[in-house]
Amino acid sequence: MADEKTYDLIIIGGGPAGLSAAIYAQRAMLDNVLLEQEAVGGQVIITSDIDNYPGVPHTDGFTLIDQMQNQANELGAHIVITNAEKVMHSDDTGLFEVRTPDGKIFAKTVIACGGATPRHAGFTGEEAFTGHGVSYCATCDGMFYRGKKVYVIGGGNSACEEALFLTRFADQVDVIVRKDHLRAQAVVAKELEDNPKVNVRFLTSVVGVEGGTMISDVTLRDNATGETYVEHYDEGGCGVFVFVGRVPASQLLEGLVDVDDAGYVLADERMATKTPGLFVAGDIRKKFLRQIVTAAADGAIAATSASAFLGHPVEG
């Protein structure tokens, strides 16, 4: 996509933050375009159960995103499937240039809602067996381990929720936690510990995986003693799911924003960054709670802030 025109606003990312921003931008009558590199909805569309989005109980990610996208479309949102590779800003004109594989797009303001991608755990064989025994998406790949053993690496909310989902397919789910406690919310941790298919293994790390075309050997370490040992399976008889955090998509904003040690963008309560006219929303920014509802709220605030920056403050 290449445009000669200059938009009021470019929204990068079509997850809950981006769709919310598009809805509010349309209502503010901003000439805007939303860029999404893969599928609208991002990581949310692979979430099987959502029970904490206010007003929409007992839904799933695909359904919720479909409703959000339909609402945005009904308001006239312009959504384009393309990859935003780099954002640049001219001090002379004040305009932003967003580079895509198809060309350049210009705008007066930008909201970056690119979210974050799965962080790798770093064990030997992780890269080689990705897609062949190592996965970062239980909803995508859980069905391939029906009746088998799976390992889930991580002790936070995502790891615990994904482990619970995997119990629908696997005969046994071992949650590998390198520390001596779970970091998940108490209600999630209790549900995990009460599930008869789940075995939580504290002070344990996956050191490496080996096999042929699929994993047959998993090497683990007892973090208390330093001892390593191997658990063997018929090839393809086990899987390793990694949920150890995410890497924010802040690289395309390099030089335009400040970030913390983990790469999350620092922004104020109006979602504004250090570059005038550049806003962020959702999982890309440093925040206390990363949930669909907070991403949607971020998007609403960012679009409203962009409107105000352009001289069109929104009442209420």
Protein backbone atom coordinates (compact mmCIF):
# COMPACT_ATOMS: atom_id res chain seq x y z
CA MET A 1 0.00 0.00 0.00
CA ALA A 2 1.33 3.42 -0.93
CA ASP A 3 -0.60 6.66 -0.63
CA GLU A 4 0.14 10.15 -1.87
CA LYS A 5 -2.37 11.60 0.57
CA THR A 6 -1.64 12.49 4.17
CA TYR A 7 -3.96 10.89 6.72
CA ASP A 8 -4.94 12.46 10.00
CA LEU A 9 -4.04 9.20 11.71
CA ILE A 10 -2.39 5.87 11.02
CA ILE A 11 -3.20 3.05 13.46
CA ILE A 12 -0.65 0.23 13.50
CA GLY A 13 -2.06 -3.07 14.75
CA GLY A 14 -5.53 -4.58 14.52
CA GLY A 15 -5.95 -6.09 17.96
CA PRO A 16 -8.38 -4.80 20.59
CA ALA A 17 -6.35 -1.61 21.07
CA GLY A 18 -6.21 -0.87 17.36
CA LEU A 19 -9.87 -1.65 16.70
CA SER A 20 -10.92 0.47 19.66
CA ALA A 21 -8.74 3.31 18.36
CA ALA A 22 -10.34 2.96 14.91
CA ILE A 23 -13.84 3.13 16.40
CA TYR A 24 -13.01 6.28 18.35
CA ALA A 25 -11.16 7.81 15.39
CA GLN A 26 -14.18 7.27 13.16
CA ARG A 27 -16.45 8.85 15.74
CA ALA A 28 -14.06 11.82 15.92
CA MET A 29 -14.25 12.06 12.10
CA LEU A 30 -10.51 11.59 11.63
CA ASP A 31 -9.30 10.49 8.22
CA ASN A 32 -7.53 7.32 9.34
CA VAL A 33 -6.27 3.93 8.23
CA LEU A 34 -5.55 0.82 10.30
CA LEU A 35 -2.63 -1.40 9.27
CA GLU A 36 -2.58 -5.05 10.38
CA GLN A 37 0.18 -7.38 9.22
CA GLU A 38 -1.59 -10.74 9.58
CA ALA A 39 -5.14 -11.25 10.82
CA VAL A 40 -7.29 -8.63 12.50
CA GLY A 41 -7.43 -9.43 16.20
CA GLY A 42 -3.83 -10.45 16.70
CA GLN A 43 -3.16 -12.84 19.57
CA VAL A 44 -6.71 -12.52 20.90
CA ILE A 45 -8.28 -14.56 18.11
CA ILE A 46 -6.56 -17.73 19.38
CA THR A 47 -7.96 -17.30 22.90
CA SER A 48 -10.55 -19.99 23.45
CA ASP A 49 -12.28 -18.75 26.60
CA ILE A 50 -12.88 -15.15 27.69
CA ASP A 51 -14.91 -14.59 30.84
CA ASN A 52 -13.63 -11.23 32.03
CA TYR A 53 -14.63 -8.78 29.28
CA PRO A 54 -17.42 -6.65 30.78
CA GLY A 55 -20.80 -7.11 29.15
CA VAL A 56 -19.72 -10.08 27.02
CA PRO A 57 -19.59 -13.12 29.31
CA HIS A 58 -18.49 -16.58 28.20
CA THR A 59 -17.11 -15.74 24.77
CA ASP A 60 -13.98 -16.55 22.80
CA GLY A 61 -11.38 -14.37 21.15
CA PHE A 62 -12.55 -14.88 17.57
CA THR A 63 -16.15 -13.96 18.41
CA LEU A 64 -15.19 -10.90 20.44
CA ILE A 65 -12.83 -9.59 17.76
CA ASP A 66 -15.44 -10.25 15.07
CA GLN A 67 -17.88 -8.06 16.98
CA MET A 68 -15.26 -5.31 17.41
CA GLN A 69 -14.31 -5.41 13.73
CA ASN A 70 -17.94 -5.34 12.60
CA GLN A 71 -18.54 -2.29 14.77
CA ALA A 72 -15.48 -0.56 13.31
CA ASN A 73 -16.53 -1.47 9.76
CA GLU A 74 -20.05 -0.16 10.31
CA LEU A 75 -18.55 3.17 11.31
CA GLY A 76 -16.51 3.21 8.11
CA ALA A 77 -13.09 2.12 9.35
CA HIS A 78 -10.45 1.57 6.67
CA ILE A 79 -8.45 -1.61 7.44
CA VAL A 80 -5.51 -2.68 5.28
CA ILE A 81 -3.55 -5.93 5.63
CA THR A 82 0.11 -4.92 5.37
CA ASN A 83 3.19 -4.81 7.55
CA ALA A 84 4.37 -1.56 9.10
CA GLU A 85 8.15 -1.94 8.93
CA LYS A 86 9.32 1.42 10.27
CA VAL A 87 7.90 4.68 11.58
CA MET A 88 9.77 7.91 10.89
CA HIS A 89 9.06 11.49 11.87
CA SER A 90 10.06 14.76 10.22
CA ASP A 91 10.86 17.61 12.57
CA ASP A 92 10.49 20.03 9.65
CA THR A 93 6.97 19.06 8.55
CA GLY A 94 5.78 17.34 11.73
CA LEU A 95 4.53 14.47 9.59
CA PHE A 96 5.00 10.75 10.16
CA GLU A 97 6.12 8.35 7.46
CA VAL A 98 5.20 4.68 7.86
CA ARG A 99 7.12 2.32 5.61
CA THR A 100 5.41 -0.84 4.36
CA PRO A 101 6.46 -3.51 1.84
CA ASP A 102 4.29 -1.70 -0.71
CA GLY A 103 5.50 1.84 -0.13
CA LYS A 104 5.18 4.78 2.23
CA ILE A 105 2.14 6.20 4.01
CA PHE A 106 2.05 9.63 5.61
CA ALA A 107 0.02 10.97 8.52
CA LYS A 108 -0.16 13.78 11.04
CA THR A 109 -0.44 11.35 13.96
CA VAL A 110 0.27 7.68 14.64
CA ILE A 111 -1.03 5.20 17.21
CA ALA A 112 1.19 2.12 17.55
CA CYS A 113 -0.78 -0.88 18.80
CA GLY A 114 1.54 -3.61 17.58
CA GLY A 115 1.31 -5.63 20.78
CA ALA A 116 3.98 -8.17 21.62
CA THR A 117 5.23 -11.53 20.33
CA PRO A 118 6.09 -14.66 22.33
CA ARG A 119 9.45 -14.63 24.09
CA HIS A 120 11.63 -17.70 23.62
CA ALA A 121 12.82 -19.64 26.65
CA GLY A 122 16.32 -20.20 25.29
CA PHE A 123 16.78 -23.95 25.75
CA THR A 124 18.84 -26.04 23.33
CA GLY A 125 16.78 -27.19 20.35
CA GLU A 126 14.04 -24.59 20.83
CA GLU A 127 14.51 -23.00 17.41
CA ALA A 128 15.10 -26.28 15.59
CA PHE A 129 11.93 -27.90 16.92
CA THR A 130 9.62 -24.88 16.67
CA GLY A 131 6.61 -26.18 14.78
CA HIS A 132 7.81 -29.75 15.30
CA GLY A 133 7.26 -30.23 19.01
CA VAL A 134 7.87 -26.72 20.37
CA SER A 135 4.91 -24.34 20.28
CA TYR A 136 3.87 -20.93 21.58
CA CYS A 137 0.14 -21.39 21.05
CA ALA A 138 -1.92 -24.03 22.86
CA THR A 139 -5.06 -23.21 20.92
CA CYS A 140 -3.22 -23.62 17.62
CA ASP A 141 -1.36 -26.83 18.36
CA GLY A 142 -2.98 -28.50 21.38
CA MET A 143 -4.99 -30.90 19.23
CA PHE A 144 -1.78 -32.50 17.94
CA TYR A 145 -1.04 -33.82 21.43
CA ARG A 146 -4.24 -35.67 22.09
CA GLY A 147 -3.50 -38.51 24.49
CA LYS A 148 0.14 -37.45 24.89
CA LYS A 149 2.35 -35.67 27.44
CA VAL A 150 3.07 -31.97 27.20
CA TYR A 151 5.32 -29.61 29.09
CA VAL A 152 4.32 -26.01 29.68
CA ILE A 153 7.15 -23.63 30.50
CA GLY A 154 6.19 -20.63 32.63
CA GLY A 155 4.45 -19.72 35.86
CA GLY A 156 2.38 -16.66 34.97
CA ASN A 157 -1.26 -16.25 34.02
CA SER A 158 -0.72 -17.09 30.36
CA ALA A 159 1.20 -20.28 31.12
CA CYS A 160 -1.41 -21.47 33.61
CA GLU A 161 -4.36 -20.67 31.37
CA GLU A 162 -2.73 -22.37 28.40
CA ALA A 163 -1.89 -25.40 30.55
CA LEU A 164 -5.54 -25.70 31.56
CA PHE A 165 -6.58 -25.51 27.92
CA LEU A 166 -4.11 -28.26 27.03
CA THR A 167 -5.75 -30.64 29.52
CA ARG A 168 -8.57 -30.95 26.96
CA PHE A 169 -6.18 -32.89 24.74
CA ALA A 170 -3.12 -34.16 26.60
CA ASP A 171 -3.17 -37.01 29.10
CA GLN A 172 -0.70 -35.16 31.31
CA VAL A 173 0.44 -31.55 31.48
CA ASP A 174 3.63 -30.79 33.41
CA VAL A 175 4.00 -27.09 34.20
CA ILE A 176 7.70 -26.27 34.47
CA VAL A 177 8.34 -23.37 36.85
CA ARG A 178 11.94 -22.27 37.40
CA LYS A 179 11.11 -20.59 40.72
CA ASP A 180 9.41 -21.99 43.81
CA HIS A 181 6.04 -20.35 43.18
CA LEU A 182 3.50 -19.46 40.52
CA ARG A 183 3.07 -15.82 39.45
CA ALA A 184 -0.48 -16.36 38.23
CA GLN A 185 -3.54 -14.87 39.88
CA ALA A 186 -4.72 -16.93 42.84
CA VAL A 187 -7.93 -18.14 41.18
CA VAL A 188 -6.02 -19.34 38.11
CA ALA A 189 -3.30 -21.00 40.20
CA LYS A 190 -5.88 -22.85 42.30
CA GLU A 191 -7.71 -24.12 39.24
CA LEU A 192 -4.41 -25.38 37.87
CA GLU A 193 -3.37 -27.12 41.06
CA ASP A 194 -6.80 -28.74 41.43
CA ASN A 195 -6.74 -30.24 37.94
CA PRO A 196 -5.85 -33.96 38.13
CA LYS A 197 -4.12 -33.86 34.74
CA VAL A 198 -1.70 -31.14 35.82
CA ASN A 199 1.61 -31.63 37.60
CA VAL A 200 3.33 -28.39 38.67
CA ARG A 201 7.09 -28.89 38.90
CA PHE A 202 8.72 -26.05 40.81
CA LEU A 203 12.44 -25.18 40.76
CA THR A 204 12.74 -26.92 37.40
CA SER A 205 13.94 -25.77 33.97
CA VAL A 206 13.94 -27.28 30.50
CA VAL A 207 17.57 -27.38 29.39
CA GLY A 208 17.09 -28.85 25.93
CA VAL A 209 15.12 -31.07 23.58
CA GLU A 210 16.30 -33.63 21.06
CA GLY A 211 14.82 -36.02 18.55
CA GLY A 212 14.45 -36.71 14.86
CA THR A 213 11.65 -34.93 13.06
CA MET A 214 9.83 -34.54 16.41
CA ILE A 215 10.92 -34.41 20.05
CA SER A 216 11.84 -37.66 21.76
CA ASP A 217 14.01 -36.46 24.66
CA VAL A 218 13.52 -33.58 27.09
CA THR A 219 16.43 -32.64 29.34
CA LEU A 220 15.47 -30.93 32.59
CA ARG A 221 17.40 -29.40 35.45
CA ASP A 222 16.61 -29.42 39.16
CA ASN A 223 17.33 -25.78 40.00
CA ALA A 224 17.80 -26.59 43.68
CA THR A 225 20.56 -29.17 43.16
CA GLY A 226 21.78 -28.40 39.64
CA GLU A 227 21.20 -32.03 38.61
CA THR A 228 20.10 -32.64 35.01
CA TYR A 229 18.14 -35.63 33.77
CA VAL A 230 16.44 -36.80 30.58
CA GLU A 231 12.83 -37.88 30.08
CA HIS A 232 12.39 -40.04 26.99
CA TYR A 233 9.35 -40.67 24.77
CA ASP A 234 8.59 -42.33 21.50
CA GLU A 235 9.28 -39.65 18.90
CA GLY A 236 6.37 -37.26 18.79
CA GLY A 237 5.07 -38.52 22.10
CA CYS A 238 5.43 -35.18 23.84
CA GLY A 239 5.31 -31.47 23.19
CA VAL A 240 6.81 -28.37 24.78
CA PHE A 241 4.73 -25.18 25.03
CA VAL A 242 6.55 -21.97 25.93
CA PHE A 243 4.83 -19.12 27.77
CA VAL A 244 7.56 -16.99 29.38
CA GLY A 245 6.42 -13.53 28.44
CA ARG A 246 6.30 -11.47 25.31
CA VAL A 247 8.54 -9.11 23.34
CA PRO A 248 6.87 -5.76 22.58
CA ALA A 249 6.80 -4.66 18.94
CA SER A 250 8.59 -1.40 19.71
CA GLN A 251 11.47 -1.81 17.25
CA LEU A 252 9.63 0.04 14.49
CA LEU A 253 9.50 3.10 16.77
CA GLU A 254 13.24 3.15 17.45
CA GLY A 255 14.51 6.65 18.14
CA LEU A 256 11.00 8.06 18.57
CA VAL A 257 10.13 6.62 21.98
CA ASP A 258 11.68 5.79 25.32
CA VAL A 259 11.46 2.17 26.45
CA ASP A 260 12.06 0.26 29.68
CA ASP A 261 14.57 -2.56 30.09
CA ALA A 262 12.14 -5.07 28.55
CA GLY A 263 11.45 -2.89 25.51
CA TYR A 264 7.99 -1.67 26.51
CA VAL A 265 7.24 1.89 25.42
CA LEU A 266 6.96 4.57 28.08
CA ALA A 267 3.88 6.76 27.66
CA ASP A 268 1.83 9.10 29.81
CA GLU A 269 -1.81 8.71 30.83
CA ARG A 270 -2.88 10.13 27.46
CA MET A 271 -0.86 7.38 25.71
CA ALA A 272 1.53 10.05 24.40
CA THR A 273 5.21 9.30 23.81
CA LYS A 274 8.14 11.70 23.74
CA THR A 275 7.49 12.40 20.03
CA PRO A 276 4.59 14.84 19.54
CA GLY A 277 1.74 13.16 17.70
CA LEU A 278 2.95 9.62 18.36
CA PHE A 279 0.79 7.56 20.71
CA VAL A 280 0.83 3.92 21.82
CA ALA A 281 -1.87 1.57 23.09
CA GLY A 282 -2.15 -1.99 24.32
CA ASP A 283 0.58 -4.49 25.09
CA ILE A 284 3.31 -2.47 23.40
CA ARG A 285 3.40 -0.01 26.29
CA LYS A 286 4.55 -0.35 29.87
CA LYS A 287 1.50 -0.94 32.02
CA PHE A 288 0.29 -2.73 35.11
CA LEU A 289 -2.36 -5.01 33.58
CA ARG A 290 -2.30 -6.55 30.10
CA GLN A 291 -5.85 -7.60 29.33
CA ILE A 292 -8.27 -7.15 26.44
CA VAL A 293 -10.28 -4.59 28.39
CA THR A 294 -7.23 -2.46 29.19
CA ALA A 295 -6.04 -2.64 25.56
CA ALA A 296 -9.44 -1.42 24.37
CA ALA A 297 -9.34 1.41 26.92
CA ASP A 298 -5.84 2.37 25.77
CA GLY A 299 -7.04 2.55 22.17
CA ALA A 300 -9.95 4.80 23.08
CA ILE A 301 -7.67 7.15 25.03
CA ALA A 302 -5.03 7.21 22.29
CA ALA A 303 -7.52 8.06 19.54
CA THR A 304 -9.08 10.76 21.68
CA SER A 305 -5.61 12.16 22.41
CA ALA A 306 -4.74 12.11 18.69
CA SER A 307 -7.94 14.00 17.93
CA ALA A 308 -7.06 16.61 20.55
CA PHE A 309 -3.52 16.89 19.17
CA LEU A 310 -5.01 17.66 15.76
CA GLY A 311 -7.10 20.43 17.27
CA HIS A 312 -10.35 18.48 17.56
CA PRO A 313 -10.85 17.75 21.24
CA VAL A 314 -13.57 15.27 22.06
CA GLU A 315 -16.06 16.19 24.75
CA GLY A 316 -16.77 13.84 27.61
